[in-house]
Structure formats: structure tokens, C-alpha cells
Amino acid sequence: MNFKSECMVESKEVGIAFNLSSKANKTLTLSAKRAERAKKREGKLRLEDHLKRFPNWSL
């Protein structure tokens, strides 16, 4: 795969949906308020950060 096609793959976004526990929702809500971001944006940033830091994480 060349650099151009890698950039095209990385720039494509997909939507996902999942349920959070009430505790996780509260934590996310408070975090979003502190950062002055929408909760959806905060969740996206946190998930992307976690996946970058722990790409091979498993239980």
C-alpha cells in the first residue's frame, strides 16, 4: 500500500453506536464539561486516544 492510499484509508470516518453504563456516562459528561467539548466529541477523542496508546490491548 502506498502513502496516498494509506492517507485515504485513515481519513475515512465511520459511525458507531454503543451503550455506556451510567457511571461511564457520568464520567464522560463531567470530562466533556471540563474540556468545554460536546460529549460526543469527548467520547470520540477518548476512544481514539485509547486505541492509539493500546493498539493490541485485550482482556
PDB file of N, CA and C in Angstrom:
ATOM      1  N   MET A   1       0.851  -1.173   0.000  1.00  0.00           N
ATOM      2  CA  MET A   1       0.000   0.000   0.000  1.00  0.00           C
ATOM      3  C   MET A   1       0.897   1.236   0.000  1.00  0.00           C
ATOM      4  N   ASN A   2       0.635   2.167  -0.903  1.00  0.00           N
ATOM      5  CA  ASN A   2       1.461   3.364  -0.935  1.00  0.00           C
ATOM      6  C   ASN A   2       0.927   4.433   0.012  1.00  0.00           C
ATOM      7  N   PHE A   3       1.701   5.511   0.175  1.00  0.00           N
ATOM      8  CA  PHE A   3       1.345   6.555   1.140  1.00  0.00           C
ATOM      9  C   PHE A   3       0.001   7.193   0.826  1.00  0.00           C
ATOM     10  N   LYS A   4      -0.261   7.464  -0.444  1.00  0.00           N
ATOM     11  CA  LYS A   4      -1.520   8.114  -0.824  1.00  0.00           C
ATOM     12  C   LYS A   4      -2.725   7.259  -0.435  1.00  0.00           C
ATOM     13  N   SER A   5      -2.671   5.962  -0.716  1.00  0.00           N
ATOM     14  CA  SER A   5      -3.807   5.108  -0.371  1.00  0.00           C
ATOM     15  C   SER A   5      -3.928   4.932   1.139  1.00  0.00           C
ATOM     16  N   GLU A   6      -2.804   4.953   1.869  1.00  0.00           N
ATOM     17  CA  GLU A   6      -2.868   4.886   3.333  1.00  0.00           C
ATOM     18  C   GLU A   6      -3.564   6.115   3.893  1.00  0.00           C
ATOM     19  N   CYS A   7      -3.278   7.286   3.359  1.00  0.00           N
ATOM     20  CA  CYS A   7      -3.923   8.519   3.817  1.00  0.00           C
ATOM     21  C   CYS A   7      -5.416   8.483   3.540  1.00  0.00           C
ATOM     22  N   MET A   8      -5.795   7.941   2.408  1.00  0.00           N
ATOM     23  CA  MET A   8      -7.213   7.868   2.067  1.00  0.00           C
ATOM     24  C   MET A   8      -7.947   6.954   3.047  1.00  0.00           C
ATOM     25  N   VAL A   9      -7.333   5.854   3.429  1.00  0.00           N
ATOM     26  CA  VAL A   9      -7.955   4.924   4.368  1.00  0.00           C
ATOM     27  C   VAL A   9      -8.077   5.573   5.737  1.00  0.00           C
ATOM     28  N   GLU A  10      -7.027   6.255   6.185  1.00  0.00           N
ATOM     29  CA  GLU A  10      -7.032   6.864   7.505  1.00  0.00           C
ATOM     30  C   GLU A  10      -7.997   8.032   7.610  1.00  0.00           C
ATOM     31  N   SER A  11      -8.268   8.740   6.524  1.00  0.00           N
ATOM     32  CA  SER A  11      -9.130   9.914   6.602  1.00  0.00           C
ATOM     33  C   SER A  11     -10.615   9.556   6.517  1.00  0.00           C
ATOM     34  N   LYS A  12     -10.933   8.331   6.195  1.00  0.00           N
ATOM     35  CA  LYS A  12     -12.325   7.913   6.104  1.00  0.00           C
ATOM     36  C   LYS A  12     -12.864   7.636   7.499  1.00  0.00           C
ATOM     37  N   GLU A  13     -14.001   8.233   7.832  1.00  0.00           N
ATOM     38  CA  GLU A  13     -14.590   8.024   9.154  1.00  0.00           C
ATOM     39  C   GLU A  13     -15.825   7.150   9.050  1.00  0.00           C
ATOM     40  N   VAL A  14     -16.099   6.427  10.111  1.00  0.00           N
ATOM     41  CA  VAL A  14     -17.295   5.599  10.206  1.00  0.00           C
ATOM     42  C   VAL A  14     -18.018   5.958  11.492  1.00  0.00           C
ATOM     43  N   GLY A  15     -19.298   5.691  11.534  1.00  0.00           N
ATOM     44  CA  GLY A  15     -20.081   5.926  12.742  1.00  0.00           C
ATOM     45  C   GLY A  15     -20.258   4.625  13.508  1.00  0.00           C
ATOM     46  N   ILE A  16     -20.254   4.730  14.831  1.00  0.00           N
ATOM     47  CA  ILE A  16     -20.512   3.567  15.676  1.00  0.00           C
ATOM     48  C   ILE A  16     -21.499   3.974  16.766  1.00  0.00           C
ATOM     49  N   ALA A  17     -22.159   3.005  17.326  1.00  0.00           N
ATOM     50  CA  ALA A  17     -23.084   3.268  18.434  1.00  0.00           C
ATOM     51  C   ALA A  17     -22.934   2.155  19.459  1.00  0.00           C
ATOM     52  N   PHE A  18     -22.978   2.514  20.728  1.00  0.00           N
ATOM     53  CA  PHE A  18     -22.889   1.527  21.793  1.00  0.00           C
ATOM     54  C   PHE A  18     -23.494   2.113  23.056  1.00  0.00           C
ATOM     55  N   ASN A  19     -23.766   1.260  24.008  1.00  0.00           N
ATOM     56  CA  ASN A  19     -24.334   1.679  25.285  1.00  0.00           C
ATOM     57  C   ASN A  19     -23.228   1.811  26.322  1.00  0.00           C
ATOM     58  N   LEU A  20     -23.359   2.818  27.185  1.00  0.00           N
ATOM     59  CA  LEU A  20     -22.436   3.028  28.295  1.00  0.00           C
ATOM     60  C   LEU A  20     -23.163   2.787  29.608  1.00  0.00           C
ATOM     61  N   SER A  21     -22.423   2.370  30.595  1.00  0.00           N
ATOM     62  CA  SER A  21     -23.011   2.283  31.935  1.00  0.00           C
ATOM     63  C   SER A  21     -23.300   3.702  32.421  1.00  0.00           C
ATOM     64  N   SER A  22     -24.167   3.825  33.396  1.00  0.00           N
ATOM     65  CA  SER A  22     -24.487   5.160  33.914  1.00  0.00           C
ATOM     66  C   SER A  22     -23.251   5.807  34.542  1.00  0.00           C
ATOM     67  N   LYS A  23     -22.388   5.007  35.156  1.00  0.00           N
ATOM     68  CA  LYS A  23     -21.159   5.539  35.752  1.00  0.00           C
ATOM     69  C   LYS A  23     -20.215   6.080  34.671  1.00  0.00           C
ATOM     70  N   ALA A  24     -20.035   5.323  33.588  1.00  0.00           N
ATOM     71  CA  ALA A  24     -19.177   5.776  32.492  1.00  0.00           C
ATOM     72  C   ALA A  24     -19.767   7.016  31.828  1.00  0.00           C
ATOM     73  N   ASN A  25     -21.083   7.054  31.695  1.00  0.00           N
ATOM     74  CA  ASN A  25     -21.749   8.212  31.105  1.00  0.00           C
ATOM     75  C   ASN A  25     -21.518   9.462  31.955  1.00  0.00           C
ATOM     76  N   LYS A  26     -21.606   9.317  33.264  1.00  0.00           N
ATOM     77  CA  LYS A  26     -21.386  10.455  34.161  1.00  0.00           C
ATOM     78  C   LYS A  26     -19.945  10.947  34.048  1.00  0.00           C
ATOM     79  N   THR A  27     -18.993  10.016  34.023  1.00  0.00           N
ATOM     80  CA  THR A  27     -17.583  10.370  33.880  1.00  0.00           C
ATOM     81  C   THR A  27     -17.341  11.098  32.565  1.00  0.00           C
ATOM     82  N   LEU A  28     -17.913  10.591  31.486  1.00  0.00           N
ATOM     83  CA  LEU A  28     -17.759  11.217  30.177  1.00  0.00           C
ATOM     84  C   LEU A  28     -18.396  12.602  30.152  1.00  0.00           C
ATOM     85  N   THR A  29     -19.563  12.739  30.740  1.00  0.00           N
ATOM     86  CA  THR A  29     -20.252  14.030  30.788  1.00  0.00           C
ATOM     87  C   THR A  29     -19.425  15.063  31.550  1.00  0.00           C
ATOM     88  N   LEU A  30     -18.908  14.687  32.713  1.00  0.00           N
ATOM     89  CA  LEU A  30     -18.086  15.611  33.504  1.00  0.00           C
ATOM     90  C   LEU A  30     -16.796  15.978  32.772  1.00  0.00           C
ATOM     91  N   SER A  31     -16.183  15.000  32.129  1.00  0.00           N
ATOM     92  CA  SER A  31     -14.962  15.242  31.375  1.00  0.00           C
ATOM     93  C   SER A  31     -15.216  16.203  30.217  1.00  0.00           C
ATOM     94  N   ALA A  32     -16.315  16.014  29.522  1.00  0.00           N
ATOM     95  CA  ALA A  32     -16.665  16.891  28.402  1.00  0.00           C
ATOM     96  C   ALA A  32     -16.903  18.318  28.886  1.00  0.00           C
ATOM     97  N   LYS A  33     -17.584  18.465  30.006  1.00  0.00           N
ATOM     98  CA  LYS A  33     -17.832  19.806  30.555  1.00  0.00           C
ATOM     99  C   LYS A  33     -16.530  20.493  30.944  1.00  0.00           C
ATOM    100  N   ARG A  34     -15.631  19.759  31.594  1.00  0.00           N
ATOM    101  CA  ARG A  34     -14.340  20.342  31.988  1.00  0.00           C
ATOM    102  C   ARG A  34     -13.542  20.795  30.775  1.00  0.00           C
ATOM    103  N   ALA A  35     -13.608  20.019  29.700  1.00  0.00           N
ATOM    104  CA  ALA A  35     -12.852  20.328  28.486  1.00  0.00           C
ATOM    105  C   ALA A  35     -13.604  21.282  27.559  1.00  0.00           C
ATOM    106  N   GLU A  36     -14.830  21.638  27.944  1.00  0.00           N
ATOM    107  CA  GLU A  36     -15.690  22.504  27.127  1.00  0.00           C
ATOM    108  C   GLU A  36     -15.892  21.934  25.721  1.00  0.00           C
ATOM    109  N   ARG A  37     -16.189  20.638  25.694  1.00  0.00           N
ATOM    110  CA  ARG A  37     -16.480  19.948  24.437  1.00  0.00           C
ATOM    111  C   ARG A  37     -17.832  19.276  24.553  1.00  0.00           C
ATOM    112  N   ALA A  38     -18.413  18.963  23.411  1.00  0.00           N
ATOM    113  CA  ALA A  38     -19.634  18.161  23.397  1.00  0.00           C
ATOM    114  C   ALA A  38     -19.280  16.749  23.858  1.00  0.00           C
ATOM    115  N   LYS A  39     -20.225  16.082  24.477  1.00  0.00           N
ATOM    116  CA  LYS A  39     -19.972  14.726  24.983  1.00  0.00           C
ATOM    117  C   LYS A  39     -19.596  13.779  23.841  1.00  0.00           C
ATOM    118  N   LYS A  40     -20.225  13.924  22.700  1.00  0.00           N
ATOM    119  CA  LYS A  40     -19.910  13.072  21.550  1.00  0.00           C
ATOM    120  C   LYS A  40     -18.453  13.272  21.117  1.00  0.00           C
ATOM    121  N   ARG A  41     -18.013  14.524  21.061  1.00  0.00           N
ATOM    122  CA  ARG A  41     -16.630  14.837  20.680  1.00  0.00           C
ATOM    123  C   ARG A  41     -15.648  14.291  21.724  1.00  0.00           C
ATOM    124  N   GLU A  42     -15.992  14.441  22.993  1.00  0.00           N
ATOM    125  CA  GLU A  42     -15.139  13.935  24.070  1.00  0.00           C
ATOM    126  C   GLU A  42     -14.994  12.416  23.975  1.00  0.00           C
ATOM    127  N   GLY A  43     -16.099  11.732  23.729  1.00  0.00           N
ATOM    128  CA  GLY A  43     -16.052  10.281  23.591  1.00  0.00           C
ATOM    129  C   GLY A  43     -15.195   9.849  22.420  1.00  0.00           C
ATOM    130  N   LYS A  44     -15.327  10.550  21.300  1.00  0.00           N
ATOM    131  CA  LYS A  44     -14.534  10.237  20.108  1.00  0.00           C
ATOM    132  C   LYS A  44     -13.044  10.421  20.395  1.00  0.00           C
ATOM    133  N   LEU A  45     -12.685  11.546  21.005  1.00  0.00           N
ATOM    134  CA  LEU A  45     -11.279  11.805  21.304  1.00  0.00           C
ATOM    135  C   LEU A  45     -10.707  10.782  22.281  1.00  0.00           C
ATOM    136  N   ARG A  46     -11.482  10.435  23.298  1.00  0.00           N
ATOM    137  CA  ARG A  46     -11.013   9.461  24.292  1.00  0.00           C
ATOM    138  C   ARG A  46     -10.841   8.075  23.680  1.00  0.00           C
ATOM    139  N   LEU A  47     -11.779   7.664  22.844  1.00  0.00           N
ATOM    140  CA  LEU A  47     -11.668   6.353  22.205  1.00  0.00           C
ATOM    141  C   LEU A  47     -10.470   6.315  21.263  1.00  0.00           C
ATOM    142  N   GLU A  48     -10.300   7.358  20.441  1.00  0.00           N
ATOM    143  CA  GLU A  48      -9.158   7.401  19.530  1.00  0.00           C
ATOM    144  C   GLU A  48      -7.839   7.390  20.299  1.00  0.00           C
ATOM    145  N   ASP A  49      -7.762   8.141  21.395  1.00  0.00           N
ATOM    146  CA  ASP A  49      -6.551   8.172  22.211  1.00  0.00           C
ATOM    147  C   ASP A  49      -6.240   6.789  22.782  1.00  0.00           C
ATOM    148  N   HIS A  50      -7.250   6.133  23.311  1.00  0.00           N
ATOM    149  CA  HIS A  50      -7.046   4.803  23.889  1.00  0.00           C
ATOM    150  C   HIS A  50      -6.557   3.809  22.828  1.00  0.00           C
ATOM    151  N   LEU A  51      -7.155   3.853  21.648  1.00  0.00           N
ATOM    152  CA  LEU A  51      -6.760   2.920  20.589  1.00  0.00           C
ATOM    153  C   LEU A  51      -5.340   3.184  20.100  1.00  0.00           C
ATOM    154  N   LYS A  52      -4.908   4.449  20.091  1.00  0.00           N
ATOM    155  CA  LYS A  52      -3.530   4.767  19.706  1.00  0.00           C
ATOM    156  C   LYS A  52      -2.545   4.284  20.767  1.00  0.00           C
ATOM    157  N   ARG A  53      -2.896   4.469  22.037  1.00  0.00           N
ATOM    158  CA  ARG A  53      -1.997   4.088  23.126  1.00  0.00           C
ATOM    159  C   ARG A  53      -1.914   2.584  23.332  1.00  0.00           C
ATOM    160  N   PHE A  54      -3.032   1.893  23.126  1.00  0.00           N
ATOM    161  CA  PHE A  54      -3.110   0.456  23.406  1.00  0.00           C
ATOM    162  C   PHE A  54      -3.666  -0.303  22.201  1.00  0.00           C
ATOM    163  N   PRO A  55      -2.941  -0.326  21.084  1.00  0.00           N
ATOM    164  CA  PRO A  55      -3.482  -0.946  19.869  1.00  0.00           C
ATOM    165  C   PRO A  55      -3.696  -2.453  19.969  1.00  0.00           C
ATOM    166  N   ASN A  56      -2.970  -3.118  20.836  1.00  0.00           N
ATOM    167  CA  ASN A  56      -3.075  -4.578  20.941  1.00  0.00           C
ATOM    168  C   ASN A  56      -3.634  -5.032  22.276  1.00  0.00           C
ATOM    169  N   TRP A  57      -4.367  -4.174  22.945  1.00  0.00           N
ATOM    170  CA  TRP A  57      -4.910  -4.478  24.271  1.00  0.00           C
ATOM    171  C   TRP A  57      -5.991  -5.537  24.176  1.00  0.00           C
ATOM    172  N   SER A  58      -5.980  -6.462  25.109  1.00  0.00           N
ATOM    173  CA  SER A  58      -7.044  -7.472  25.169  1.00  0.00           C
ATOM    174  C   SER A  58      -7.245  -7.884  26.618  1.00  0.00           C
ATOM    175  N   LEU A  59      -8.397  -8.471  26.895  1.00  0.00           N
ATOM    176  CA  LEU A  59      -8.704  -8.919  28.256  1.00  0.00           C
ATOM    177  C   LEU A  59      -8.007 -10.219  28.564  1.00  0.00           C
TER     178      LEU A  59
END
